[in-house]
Amino acid sequence: MSISLIILIIFQSSGYVSANQETNNNVGGGWIAEDPSWIYFGYGGKLIKISKTDAKKVVLNNATTKGINVKGDWIYFTQKEGNDWNKYSLYKMKVDGTNKKRITGTGIDKVFVYGDYIYYTVFLTDPKTGYYSPHSLYRMKTDGTNKSLVFNGVADSIHFSGNNIFFINVTISSDGLKYSGPIMKSSLDGKNITTLIPGENRGLQVVENRLYFSDEIGLHQVDVNSLEKQTIIDQNIKSFYISNQWVYYVTRNISGNHLNKVKFNGTENIKIHSTPYYLGDISIIGDSVYFRHYTVFMKLKHDSVSPTIFMN
C-alpha cells in the first residue's frame, strides 16, 4: 500500500446526490457553478460568468467571491470584506449582475441553497486551539428572513437528501492537524439530531440511500437505513466525490501532486496530471472536472485524460 496521502473527489452525476451541484462544489470552496447557459466563476478578485455557447465573459462582481450557488434568476455567494482572509459576507444578486444585496455577514464560510432556504456556516475562533473553523450551521429564507440556528457546533461535509441534513460534527485537535468526528443526521430545521456513525470520520457524501465516508482506514459506504458498512478503498482518504462512476483523486508524494481517476470498482486506474506545485480546488460541473494547478485553472472532460487550460 502506498503511503501517499490520497484525496478522493467523488460526485455522482446520475441519481440523487444531495441538495444540488453547488452543495458538492462548496466542499472545494464553491468557486464555480452553472446554469443552462452560463458558467459562474470566482477568479482574480472577481465574479465572472462565461457563456457556454461562445465563451463570452461578463464581470458580475468586482470582489473576491466564493460559495457560489445559482438558483433560478439569482446568484447567492460570499464576498470578501477587507483584508482578513475569513471576513466574508453573504450576498444575493440577479444573474445579470443587477439587484446586488447583502444578506448577512461577516465571517460566512460555506453556503448551500436548498429548497426555499439558504444554509450557511460561520467562522469562529476555537478558544482552545486559536484556529479559525467553520462553526454553527444556520438557515434563513432566500429573502434573508426567518434566520434560525440549525446546529450549534462545528458542522462540515454538509450534504442534503430529501428532508434530512447529513454532516460531520468536527472536533479539531490541539495542533490543528486532525479534523474529524461523528457523522450526524438531522431534519432540515435542525430538530431530531442523531449520531449515525461514531468515530473519527473526515469526509462525507450522500448518494441516494447510501452514505459514503472516509476515516483513517479508508473509504466506506453505508446503507442509510440498515447502517451496514462496506469498505471500498483501504487507504488514507481525506475528501471525495463520484462522477460518472469514476473516482477522481489526488496523490501526494515526494515528487509532487498527481491527479488520477479510477473506476469505482477499482479498475482502469489512469494518471491524468502531475505537478510539483499546488493541485486542488477540484469541482465538478456538468460533464467536466475543474481544478487548480498552482495559479492556473484547468478543465478535464470526463471522457478524456488530457486537461486543458480553463483560466489563467
C-alpha atoms as a PDB file:
ATOM      1  CA  MET A   1       0.000   0.000   0.000  1.00  0.00           C
ATOM      2  CA  SER A   2       1.303   3.452  -0.895  1.00  0.00           C
ATOM      3  CA  ILE A   3       1.934   5.810   1.975  1.00  0.00           C
ATOM      4  CA  SER A   4       0.950   8.735  -0.242  1.00  0.00           C
ATOM      5  CA  LEU A   5      -1.890  10.822   1.080  1.00  0.00           C
ATOM      6  CA  ILE A   6      -4.838  10.384  -1.236  1.00  0.00           C
ATOM      7  CA  ILE A   7      -7.557  12.958  -1.747  1.00  0.00           C
ATOM      8  CA  LEU A   8     -10.561  11.437  -3.463  1.00  0.00           C
ATOM      9  CA  ILE A   9     -13.073  13.645  -5.207  1.00  0.00           C
ATOM     10  CA  ILE A  10     -16.348  11.822  -5.794  1.00  0.00           C
ATOM     11  CA  PHE A  11     -19.590  13.061  -7.268  1.00  0.00           C
ATOM     12  CA  GLN A  12     -22.496  11.010  -8.599  1.00  0.00           C
ATOM     13  CA  SER A  13     -23.917  12.607 -11.730  1.00  0.00           C
ATOM     14  CA  SER A  14     -26.716  10.097 -12.120  1.00  0.00           C
ATOM     15  CA  GLY A  15     -29.164   9.661  -9.264  1.00  0.00           C
ATOM     16  CA  TYR A  16     -29.840  11.984  -6.351  1.00  0.00           C
ATOM     17  CA  VAL A  17     -26.709  13.040  -4.570  1.00  0.00           C
ATOM     18  CA  SER A  18     -27.517  15.942  -2.306  1.00  0.00           C
ATOM     19  CA  ALA A  19     -29.077  19.377  -2.416  1.00  0.00           C
ATOM     20  CA  ASN A  20     -27.789  20.396  -5.832  1.00  0.00           C
ATOM     21  CA  GLN A  21     -24.493  20.668  -7.654  1.00  0.00           C
ATOM     22  CA  GLU A  22     -23.460  23.714  -5.629  1.00  0.00           C
ATOM     23  CA  THR A  23     -23.708  21.677  -2.434  1.00  0.00           C
ATOM     24  CA  ASN A  24     -20.904  19.443  -3.684  1.00  0.00           C
ATOM     25  CA  ASN A  25     -18.832  22.240  -5.168  1.00  0.00           C
ATOM     26  CA  ASN A  26     -18.837  24.121  -1.883  1.00  0.00           C
ATOM     27  CA  VAL A  27     -16.780  21.287  -0.451  1.00  0.00           C
ATOM     28  CA  GLY A  28     -13.985  22.766  -2.572  1.00  0.00           C
ATOM     29  CA  GLY A  29     -14.840  26.372  -1.791  1.00  0.00           C
ATOM     30  CA  GLY A  30     -17.745  26.896  -4.181  1.00  0.00           C
ATOM     31  CA  TRP A  31     -15.682  28.872  -6.707  1.00  0.00           C
ATOM     32  CA  ILE A  32     -17.637  27.612  -9.743  1.00  0.00           C
ATOM     33  CA  ALA A  33     -21.301  26.905 -10.586  1.00  0.00           C
ATOM     34  CA  GLU A  34     -23.535  26.773 -13.645  1.00  0.00           C
ATOM     35  CA  ASP A  35     -26.998  27.248 -15.111  1.00  0.00           C
ATOM     36  CA  PRO A  36     -28.173  26.047 -18.558  1.00  0.00           C
ATOM     37  CA  SER A  37     -26.461  28.951 -20.375  1.00  0.00           C
ATOM     38  CA  TRP A  38     -23.547  30.154 -18.233  1.00  0.00           C
ATOM     39  CA  ILE A  39     -20.685  29.042 -16.019  1.00  0.00           C
ATOM     40  CA  TYR A  40     -20.177  31.287 -12.975  1.00  0.00           C
ATOM     41  CA  PHE A  41     -16.597  31.519 -11.792  1.00  0.00           C
ATOM     42  CA  GLY A  42     -14.881  33.282  -8.885  1.00  0.00           C
ATOM     43  CA  TYR A  43     -11.444  34.256 -10.181  1.00  0.00           C
ATOM     44  CA  GLY A  44      -8.872  37.031  -9.866  1.00  0.00           C
ATOM     45  CA  GLY A  45     -10.833  39.017  -7.282  1.00  0.00           C
ATOM     46  CA  LYS A  46     -13.990  38.977  -9.423  1.00  0.00           C
ATOM     47  CA  LEU A  47     -17.158  37.003 -10.122  1.00  0.00           C
ATOM     48  CA  ILE A  48     -17.290  36.237 -13.846  1.00  0.00           C
ATOM     49  CA  LYS A  49     -19.859  34.440 -15.969  1.00  0.00           C
ATOM     50  CA  ILE A  50     -18.785  32.645 -19.129  1.00  0.00           C
ATOM     51  CA  SER A  51     -21.176  31.774 -21.952  1.00  0.00           C
ATOM     52  CA  LYS A  52     -21.401  28.064 -22.778  1.00  0.00           C
ATOM     53  CA  THR A  53     -22.072  28.843 -26.444  1.00  0.00           C
ATOM     54  CA  ASP A  54     -19.434  31.430 -27.417  1.00  0.00           C
ATOM     55  CA  ALA A  55     -17.169  31.718 -24.292  1.00  0.00           C
ATOM     56  CA  LYS A  56     -18.152  35.382 -23.836  1.00  0.00           C
ATOM     57  CA  LYS A  57     -17.025  36.680 -20.426  1.00  0.00           C
ATOM     58  CA  VAL A  58     -19.058  39.116 -18.302  1.00  0.00           C
ATOM     59  CA  VAL A  59     -17.820  40.534 -14.976  1.00  0.00           C
ATOM     60  CA  LEU A  60     -20.659  40.498 -12.440  1.00  0.00           C
ATOM     61  CA  ASN A  61     -18.873  41.447  -9.218  1.00  0.00           C
ATOM     62  CA  ASN A  62     -15.549  43.204  -8.613  1.00  0.00           C
ATOM     63  CA  ALA A  63     -14.631  41.482  -5.352  1.00  0.00           C
ATOM     64  CA  THR A  64     -13.194  38.144  -4.249  1.00  0.00           C
ATOM     65  CA  THR A  65     -16.093  35.691  -4.484  1.00  0.00           C
ATOM     66  CA  LYS A  66     -16.711  32.102  -3.411  1.00  0.00           C
ATOM     67  CA  GLY A  67     -19.579  29.969  -2.099  1.00  0.00           C
ATOM     68  CA  ILE A  68     -21.382  30.401  -5.444  1.00  0.00           C
ATOM     69  CA  ASN A  69     -24.905  28.975  -5.741  1.00  0.00           C
ATOM     70  CA  VAL A  70     -27.187  29.632  -8.717  1.00  0.00           C
ATOM     71  CA  LYS A  71     -30.928  29.140  -8.308  1.00  0.00           C
ATOM     72  CA  GLY A  72     -33.375  30.451 -10.885  1.00  0.00           C
ATOM     73  CA  ASP A  73     -32.627  34.110 -11.652  1.00  0.00           C
ATOM     74  CA  TRP A  74     -30.446  34.603  -8.568  1.00  0.00           C
ATOM     75  CA  ILE A  75     -26.823  34.023  -7.599  1.00  0.00           C
ATOM     76  CA  TYR A  76     -26.012  33.542  -3.917  1.00  0.00           C
ATOM     77  CA  PHE A  77     -22.355  33.986  -2.943  1.00  0.00           C
ATOM     78  CA  THR A  78     -19.919  35.194  -0.325  1.00  0.00           C
ATOM     79  CA  GLN A  79     -17.767  38.278  -0.886  1.00  0.00           C
ATOM     80  CA  LYS A  80     -14.540  39.124   0.898  1.00  0.00           C
ATOM     81  CA  GLU A  81     -14.745  42.244   3.076  1.00  0.00           C
ATOM     82  CA  GLY A  82     -11.437  43.902   3.957  1.00  0.00           C
ATOM     83  CA  ASN A  83      -8.065  42.188   4.259  1.00  0.00           C
ATOM     84  CA  ASP A  84      -8.775  39.320   6.683  1.00  0.00           C
ATOM     85  CA  TRP A  85      -8.991  36.004   4.825  1.00  0.00           C
ATOM     86  CA  ASN A  86     -12.043  34.836   6.792  1.00  0.00           C
ATOM     87  CA  LYS A  87     -14.135  38.034   6.555  1.00  0.00           C
ATOM     88  CA  TYR A  88     -16.778  37.096   4.000  1.00  0.00           C
ATOM     89  CA  SER A  89     -20.354  38.397   3.841  1.00  0.00           C
ATOM     90  CA  LEU A  90     -23.311  36.666   2.181  1.00  0.00           C
ATOM     91  CA  TYR A  91     -24.876  38.361  -0.858  1.00  0.00           C
ATOM     92  CA  LYS A  92     -27.516  37.682  -3.488  1.00  0.00           C
ATOM     93  CA  MET A  93     -27.647  39.166  -6.966  1.00  0.00           C
ATOM     94  CA  LYS A  94     -29.549  38.678 -10.228  1.00  0.00           C
ATOM     95  CA  VAL A  95     -27.724  36.505 -12.768  1.00  0.00           C
ATOM     96  CA  ASP A  96     -27.322  39.590 -14.985  1.00  0.00           C
ATOM     97  CA  GLY A  97     -25.375  41.361 -12.217  1.00  0.00           C
ATOM     98  CA  THR A  98     -28.163  43.681 -11.039  1.00  0.00           C
ATOM     99  CA  ASN A  99     -30.002  43.965  -7.709  1.00  0.00           C
ATOM    100  CA  LYS A 100     -26.991  43.068  -5.565  1.00  0.00           C
ATOM    101  CA  LYS A 101     -27.954  42.868  -1.898  1.00  0.00           C
ATOM    102  CA  ARG A 102     -26.008  41.999   1.243  1.00  0.00           C
ATOM    103  CA  ILE A 103     -27.946  39.404   3.239  1.00  0.00           C
ATOM    104  CA  THR A 104     -25.760  38.795   6.284  1.00  0.00           C
ATOM    105  CA  GLY A 105     -22.130  38.672   7.433  1.00  0.00           C
ATOM    106  CA  THR A 106     -19.294  38.807   8.162  1.00  0.00           C
ATOM    107  CA  GLY A 107     -17.414  35.564   8.819  1.00  0.00           C
ATOM    108  CA  ILE A 108     -19.522  33.413   6.469  1.00  0.00           C
ATOM    109  CA  ASP A 109     -17.867  30.176   5.344  1.00  0.00           C
ATOM    110  CA  LYS A 110     -19.846  27.546   3.383  1.00  0.00           C
ATOM    111  CA  VAL A 111     -23.155  28.382   1.638  1.00  0.00           C
ATOM    112  CA  PHE A 112     -25.806  25.948   0.367  1.00  0.00           C
ATOM    113  CA  VAL A 113     -29.121  26.854  -1.254  1.00  0.00           C
ATOM    114  CA  TYR A 114     -31.646  24.056  -0.740  1.00  0.00           C
ATOM    115  CA  GLY A 115     -35.337  24.481  -1.413  1.00  0.00           C
ATOM    116  CA  ASP A 116     -36.505  27.885  -0.163  1.00  0.00           C
ATOM    117  CA  TYR A 117     -33.642  28.227   2.328  1.00  0.00           C
ATOM    118  CA  ILE A 118     -30.005  29.310   2.433  1.00  0.00           C
ATOM    119  CA  TYR A 119     -27.937  27.170   4.784  1.00  0.00           C
ATOM    120  CA  TYR A 120     -24.570  28.556   5.862  1.00  0.00           C
ATOM    121  CA  THR A 121     -21.774  28.136   8.376  1.00  0.00           C
ATOM    122  CA  VAL A 122     -19.827  30.906  10.091  1.00  0.00           C
ATOM    123  CA  PHE A 123     -16.188  31.249  11.158  1.00  0.00           C
ATOM    124  CA  LEU A 124     -15.334  31.450  14.841  1.00  0.00           C
ATOM    125  CA  THR A 125     -12.045  31.186  16.715  1.00  0.00           C
ATOM    126  CA  ASP A 126     -11.669  27.994  18.724  1.00  0.00           C
ATOM    127  CA  PRO A 127     -10.780  29.184  22.267  1.00  0.00           C
ATOM    128  CA  LYS A 128      -8.700  26.038  22.918  1.00  0.00           C
ATOM    129  CA  THR A 129      -6.626  25.954  19.737  1.00  0.00           C
ATOM    130  CA  GLY A 130      -6.796  29.528  18.456  1.00  0.00           C
ATOM    131  CA  TYR A 131      -7.665  28.222  14.978  1.00  0.00           C
ATOM    132  CA  TYR A 132     -10.466  29.627  12.872  1.00  0.00           C
ATOM    133  CA  SER A 133     -13.013  26.974  11.993  1.00  0.00           C
ATOM    134  CA  PRO A 134     -16.456  26.766  10.425  1.00  0.00           C
ATOM    135  CA  HIS A 135     -18.820  26.776  13.377  1.00  0.00           C
ATOM    136  CA  SER A 136     -22.600  26.637  13.768  1.00  0.00           C
ATOM    137  CA  LEU A 137     -24.935  25.882  10.890  1.00  0.00           C
ATOM    138  CA  TYR A 138     -27.720  28.406  10.283  1.00  0.00           C
ATOM    139  CA  ARG A 139     -30.520  28.749   7.780  1.00  0.00           C
ATOM    140  CA  MET A 140     -32.713  31.566   6.521  1.00  0.00           C
ATOM    141  CA  LYS A 141     -35.223  32.120   3.758  1.00  0.00           C
ATOM    142  CA  THR A 142     -33.671  33.100   0.423  1.00  0.00           C
ATOM    143  CA  ASP A 143     -35.017  36.627   1.002  1.00  0.00           C
ATOM    144  CA  GLY A 144     -32.968  36.871   4.217  1.00  0.00           C
ATOM    145  CA  THR A 145     -35.848  36.417   6.684  1.00  0.00           C
ATOM    146  CA  ASN A 146     -36.562  33.743   9.306  1.00  0.00           C
ATOM    147  CA  LYS A 147     -32.965  33.172  10.386  1.00  0.00           C
ATOM    148  CA  SER A 148     -32.558  30.247  12.779  1.00  0.00           C
ATOM    149  CA  LEU A 149     -29.832  28.030  14.249  1.00  0.00           C
ATOM    150  CA  VAL A 150     -29.761  24.502  12.821  1.00  0.00           C
ATOM    151  CA  PHE A 151     -26.737  23.080  14.658  1.00  0.00           C
ATOM    152  CA  ASN A 152     -24.619  24.626  17.417  1.00  0.00           C
ATOM    153  CA  GLY A 153     -21.222  23.107  16.749  1.00  0.00           C
ATOM    154  CA  VAL A 154     -18.613  22.647  14.034  1.00  0.00           C
ATOM    155  CA  ALA A 155     -20.519  21.169  11.058  1.00  0.00           C
ATOM    156  CA  ASP A 156     -18.536  20.117   7.994  1.00  0.00           C
ATOM    157  CA  SER A 157     -19.000  17.929   4.877  1.00  0.00           C
ATOM    158  CA  ILE A 158     -22.629  19.070   4.814  1.00  0.00           C
ATOM    159  CA  HIS A 159     -24.995  17.296   2.403  1.00  0.00           C
ATOM    160  CA  PHE A 160     -28.753  17.293   1.900  1.00  0.00           C
ATOM    161  CA  SER A 161     -31.026  14.428   0.899  1.00  0.00           C
ATOM    162  CA  GLY A 162     -34.799  14.644   0.915  1.00  0.00           C
ATOM    163  CA  ASN A 163     -35.897  16.074   4.267  1.00  0.00           C
ATOM    164  CA  ASN A 164     -32.597  15.450   6.022  1.00  0.00           C
ATOM    165  CA  ILE A 165     -29.166  17.027   6.509  1.00  0.00           C
ATOM    166  CA  PHE A 166     -26.092  14.851   6.935  1.00  0.00           C
ATOM    167  CA  PHE A 167     -22.845  16.306   8.290  1.00  0.00           C
ATOM    168  CA  ILE A 168     -19.743  15.620  10.343  1.00  0.00           C
ATOM    169  CA  ASN A 169     -19.621  17.129  13.829  1.00  0.00           C
ATOM    170  CA  VAL A 170     -15.954  18.051  13.686  1.00  0.00           C
ATOM    171  CA  THR A 171     -13.502  18.263  16.563  1.00  0.00           C
ATOM    172  CA  ILE A 172     -10.161  19.982  15.839  1.00  0.00           C
ATOM    173  CA  SER A 173      -7.044  18.643  17.535  1.00  0.00           C
ATOM    174  CA  SER A 174      -4.844  20.974  19.589  1.00  0.00           C
ATOM    175  CA  ASP A 175      -2.205  21.072  16.831  1.00  0.00           C
ATOM    176  CA  GLY A 176      -4.836  21.828  14.189  1.00  0.00           C
ATOM    177  CA  LEU A 177      -3.840  18.803  12.105  1.00  0.00           C
ATOM    178  CA  LYS A 178      -6.729  16.493  12.953  1.00  0.00           C
ATOM    179  CA  TYR A 179     -10.181  17.468  11.734  1.00  0.00           C
ATOM    180  CA  SER A 180     -12.721  14.706  12.220  1.00  0.00           C
ATOM    181  CA  GLY A 181     -15.744  13.484  14.144  1.00  0.00           C
ATOM    182  CA  PRO A 182     -19.005  11.505  14.101  1.00  0.00           C
ATOM    183  CA  ILE A 183     -21.472  11.595  11.206  1.00  0.00           C
ATOM    184  CA  MET A 184     -24.765  13.203  12.206  1.00  0.00           C
ATOM    185  CA  LYS A 185     -28.269  13.332  10.742  1.00  0.00           C
ATOM    186  CA  SER A 186     -30.952  15.943  11.379  1.00  0.00           C
ATOM    187  CA  SER A 187     -34.180  17.260   9.918  1.00  0.00           C
ATOM    188  CA  LEU A 188     -33.907  20.380   7.760  1.00  0.00           C
ATOM    189  CA  ASP A 189     -34.861  22.630  10.687  1.00  0.00           C
ATOM    190  CA  GLY A 190     -32.199  21.115  12.953  1.00  0.00           C
ATOM    191  CA  LYS A 191     -34.523  19.018  15.058  1.00  0.00           C
ATOM    192  CA  ASN A 192     -34.163  15.296  15.719  1.00  0.00           C
ATOM    193  CA  ILE A 193     -30.354  15.307  15.566  1.00  0.00           C
ATOM    194  CA  THR A 194     -28.890  11.821  15.877  1.00  0.00           C
ATOM    195  CA  THR A 195     -25.429  10.250  15.588  1.00  0.00           C
ATOM    196  CA  LEU A 196     -25.357   7.798  12.678  1.00  0.00           C
ATOM    197  CA  ILE A 197     -21.703   6.760  12.596  1.00  0.00           C
ATOM    198  CA  PRO A 198     -19.404   7.449  15.568  1.00  0.00           C
ATOM    199  CA  GLY A 199     -15.653   7.764  15.268  1.00  0.00           C
ATOM    200  CA  GLU A 200     -13.034   9.927  13.576  1.00  0.00           C
ATOM    201  CA  ASN A 201     -14.673  10.471  10.170  1.00  0.00           C
ATOM    202  CA  ARG A 202     -13.300  13.143   7.822  1.00  0.00           C
ATOM    203  CA  GLY A 203     -15.381  13.203   4.624  1.00  0.00           C
ATOM    204  CA  LEU A 204     -18.990  12.540   3.653  1.00  0.00           C
ATOM    205  CA  GLN A 205     -21.231  12.268   0.597  1.00  0.00           C
ATOM    206  CA  VAL A 206     -24.834  11.129   0.188  1.00  0.00           C
ATOM    207  CA  VAL A 207     -25.802   9.135  -2.916  1.00  0.00           C
ATOM    208  CA  GLU A 208     -29.451   8.052  -2.972  1.00  0.00           C
ATOM    209  CA  ASN A 209     -29.880   5.888   0.146  1.00  0.00           C
ATOM    210  CA  ARG A 210     -26.186   5.385   0.817  1.00  0.00           C
ATOM    211  CA  LEU A 211     -23.592   7.346   2.781  1.00  0.00           C
ATOM    212  CA  TYR A 212     -20.002   7.409   1.559  1.00  0.00           C
ATOM    213  CA  PHE A 213     -17.469   8.471   4.178  1.00  0.00           C
ATOM    214  CA  SER A 214     -13.759   8.369   4.912  1.00  0.00           C
ATOM    215  CA  ASP A 215     -11.682   7.830   8.014  1.00  0.00           C
ATOM    216  CA  GLU A 216      -8.053   6.917   8.749  1.00  0.00           C
ATOM    217  CA  ILE A 217      -8.644   3.387   7.460  1.00  0.00           C
ATOM    218  CA  GLY A 218     -10.154   4.177   4.061  1.00  0.00           C
ATOM    219  CA  LEU A 219     -13.330   4.934   2.119  1.00  0.00           C
ATOM    220  CA  HIS A 220     -16.567   3.195   3.094  1.00  0.00           C
ATOM    221  CA  GLN A 221     -20.217   3.055   2.124  1.00  0.00           C
ATOM    222  CA  VAL A 222     -23.136   2.538   4.488  1.00  0.00           C
ATOM    223  CA  ASP A 223     -26.812   1.941   3.857  1.00  0.00           C
ATOM    224  CA  VAL A 224     -28.699   4.848   5.474  1.00  0.00           C
ATOM    225  CA  ASN A 225     -31.391   2.542   6.854  1.00  0.00           C
ATOM    226  CA  SER A 226     -29.535  -0.622   7.893  1.00  0.00           C
ATOM    227  CA  LEU A 227     -26.150   1.074   8.566  1.00  0.00           C
ATOM    228  CA  GLU A 228     -24.497  -1.977   7.000  1.00  0.00           C
ATOM    229  CA  LYS A 229     -20.905  -0.960   6.230  1.00  0.00           C
ATOM    230  CA  GLN A 230     -18.694  -1.918   3.288  1.00  0.00           C
ATOM    231  CA  THR A 231     -15.084  -0.784   2.833  1.00  0.00           C
ATOM    232  CA  ILE A 232     -14.334   0.335  -0.737  1.00  0.00           C
ATOM    233  CA  ILE A 233     -10.719   1.545  -0.507  1.00  0.00           C
ATOM    234  CA  ASP A 234      -8.331   0.693   2.333  1.00  0.00           C
ATOM    235  CA  GLN A 235      -6.073   3.746   2.013  1.00  0.00           C
ATOM    236  CA  ASN A 236      -5.843   7.071   3.789  1.00  0.00           C
ATOM    237  CA  ILE A 237      -8.695   9.214   2.398  1.00  0.00           C
ATOM    238  CA  LYS A 238      -9.203  12.922   3.026  1.00  0.00           C
ATOM    239  CA  SER A 239     -12.122  14.072   0.838  1.00  0.00           C
ATOM    240  CA  PHE A 240     -14.079  12.640  -2.047  1.00  0.00           C
ATOM    241  CA  TYR A 241     -16.695  12.770  -4.893  1.00  0.00           C
ATOM    242  CA  ILE A 242     -18.034  10.369  -7.589  1.00  0.00           C
ATOM    243  CA  SER A 243     -18.611  11.353 -11.233  1.00  0.00           C
ATOM    244  CA  ASN A 244     -19.935   9.086 -13.978  1.00  0.00           C
ATOM    245  CA  GLN A 245     -18.756   6.065 -11.987  1.00  0.00           C
ATOM    246  CA  TRP A 246     -15.232   7.486 -11.900  1.00  0.00           C
ATOM    247  CA  VAL A 247     -13.323   8.364  -8.751  1.00  0.00           C
ATOM    248  CA  TYR A 248     -11.091  11.417  -9.184  1.00  0.00           C
ATOM    249  CA  TYR A 249      -8.303  11.590  -6.644  1.00  0.00           C
ATOM    250  CA  VAL A 250      -5.019  13.359  -5.935  1.00  0.00           C
ATOM    251  CA  THR A 251      -1.976  11.598  -4.516  1.00  0.00           C
ATOM    252  CA  ARG A 252       0.787  13.477  -2.736  1.00  0.00           C
ATOM    253  CA  ASN A 253       4.328  12.194  -2.539  1.00  0.00           C
ATOM    254  CA  ILE A 254       7.889  13.494  -2.636  1.00  0.00           C
ATOM    255  CA  SER A 255       7.675  14.279  -6.373  1.00  0.00           C
ATOM    256  CA  GLY A 256       4.546  16.414  -6.048  1.00  0.00           C
ATOM    257  CA  ASN A 257       0.794  16.129  -6.576  1.00  0.00           C
ATOM    258  CA  HIS A 258      -0.859  13.731  -9.004  1.00  0.00           C
ATOM    259  CA  LEU A 259      -4.427  13.757 -10.320  1.00  0.00           C
ATOM    260  CA  ASN A 260      -5.741  10.308 -11.230  1.00  0.00           C
ATOM    261  CA  LYS A 261      -9.050   8.668 -11.974  1.00  0.00           C
ATOM    262  CA  VAL A 262     -10.165   5.118 -11.338  1.00  0.00           C
ATOM    263  CA  LYS A 263     -13.404   3.220 -11.834  1.00  0.00           C
ATOM    264  CA  PHE A 264     -15.451   2.925  -8.673  1.00  0.00           C
ATOM    265  CA  ASN A 265     -14.770  -0.838  -8.623  1.00  0.00           C
ATOM    266  CA  GLY A 266     -11.022  -0.132  -8.548  1.00  0.00           C
ATOM    267  CA  THR A 267     -10.269  -0.891 -12.213  1.00  0.00           C
ATOM    268  CA  GLU A 268      -8.846   1.328 -15.005  1.00  0.00           C
ATOM    269  CA  ASN A 269      -6.607   3.437 -12.793  1.00  0.00           C
ATOM    270  CA  ILE A 270      -5.373   6.300 -15.015  1.00  0.00           C
ATOM    271  CA  LYS A 271      -2.910   9.095 -14.252  1.00  0.00           C
ATOM    272  CA  ILE A 272      -4.182  12.430 -15.602  1.00  0.00           C
ATOM    273  CA  HIS A 273      -1.971  15.253 -14.404  1.00  0.00           C
ATOM    274  CA  SER A 274       1.128  15.770 -12.252  1.00  0.00           C
ATOM    275  CA  THR A 275       2.781  18.887 -10.880  1.00  0.00           C
ATOM    276  CA  PRO A 276       5.361  19.716  -8.190  1.00  0.00           C
ATOM    277  CA  TYR A 277       3.116  22.660  -7.270  1.00  0.00           C
ATOM    278  CA  TYR A 278      -0.309  23.017  -5.690  1.00  0.00           C
ATOM    279  CA  LEU A 279      -3.118  20.902  -7.162  1.00  0.00           C
ATOM    280  CA  GLY A 280      -6.592  21.191  -5.666  1.00  0.00           C
ATOM    281  CA  ASP A 281      -9.829  23.211  -5.527  1.00  0.00           C
ATOM    282  CA  ILE A 282     -11.491  20.435  -7.512  1.00  0.00           C
ATOM    283  CA  SER A 283     -15.120  20.880  -8.548  1.00  0.00           C
ATOM    284  CA  ILE A 284     -17.391  19.087 -10.999  1.00  0.00           C
ATOM    285  CA  ILE A 285     -19.744  20.943 -13.330  1.00  0.00           C
ATOM    286  CA  GLY A 286     -21.804  19.100 -15.929  1.00  0.00           C
ATOM    287  CA  ASP A 287     -19.536  16.832 -17.985  1.00  0.00           C
ATOM    288  CA  SER A 288     -16.237  18.291 -16.756  1.00  0.00           C
ATOM    289  CA  VAL A 289     -13.872  18.333 -13.801  1.00  0.00           C
ATOM    290  CA  TYR A 290     -12.290  21.681 -12.910  1.00  0.00           C
ATOM    291  CA  PHE A 291      -9.202  22.026 -10.740  1.00  0.00           C
ATOM    292  CA  ARG A 292      -6.415  24.462  -9.904  1.00  0.00           C
ATOM    293  CA  HIS A 293      -2.818  23.760 -10.867  1.00  0.00           C
ATOM    294  CA  TYR A 294      -0.758  26.342  -8.967  1.00  0.00           C
ATOM    295  CA  THR A 295      -2.305  29.608 -10.266  1.00  0.00           C
ATOM    296  CA  VAL A 296      -3.876  28.094 -13.417  1.00  0.00           C
ATOM    297  CA  PHE A 297      -7.396  26.645 -13.524  1.00  0.00           C
ATOM    298  CA  MET A 298      -7.729  23.505 -15.637  1.00  0.00           C
ATOM    299  CA  LYS A 299     -10.669  21.670 -17.205  1.00  0.00           C
ATOM    300  CA  LEU A 300     -10.998  17.945 -17.903  1.00  0.00           C
ATOM    301  CA  LYS A 301     -13.835  16.240 -19.770  1.00  0.00           C
ATOM    302  CA  HIS A 302     -14.992  13.023 -18.119  1.00  0.00           C
ATOM    303  CA  ASP A 303     -14.181  11.027 -21.269  1.00  0.00           C
ATOM    304  CA  SER A 304     -10.666  12.489 -21.544  1.00  0.00           C
ATOM    305  CA  VAL A 305      -7.319  12.106 -19.792  1.00  0.00           C
ATOM    306  CA  SER A 306      -5.865  15.381 -21.130  1.00  0.00           C
ATOM    307  CA  PRO A 307      -6.827  18.525 -19.178  1.00  0.00           C
ATOM    308  CA  THR A 308      -6.875  21.911 -20.902  1.00  0.00           C
ATOM    309  CA  ILE A 309      -6.396  25.426 -19.519  1.00  0.00           C
ATOM    310  CA  PHE A 310      -9.707  26.929 -18.406  1.00  0.00           C
ATOM    311  CA  MET A 311      -8.429  30.221 -16.979  1.00  0.00           C
ATOM    312  CA  ASN A 312      -5.002  31.666 -16.161  1.00  0.00           C
END
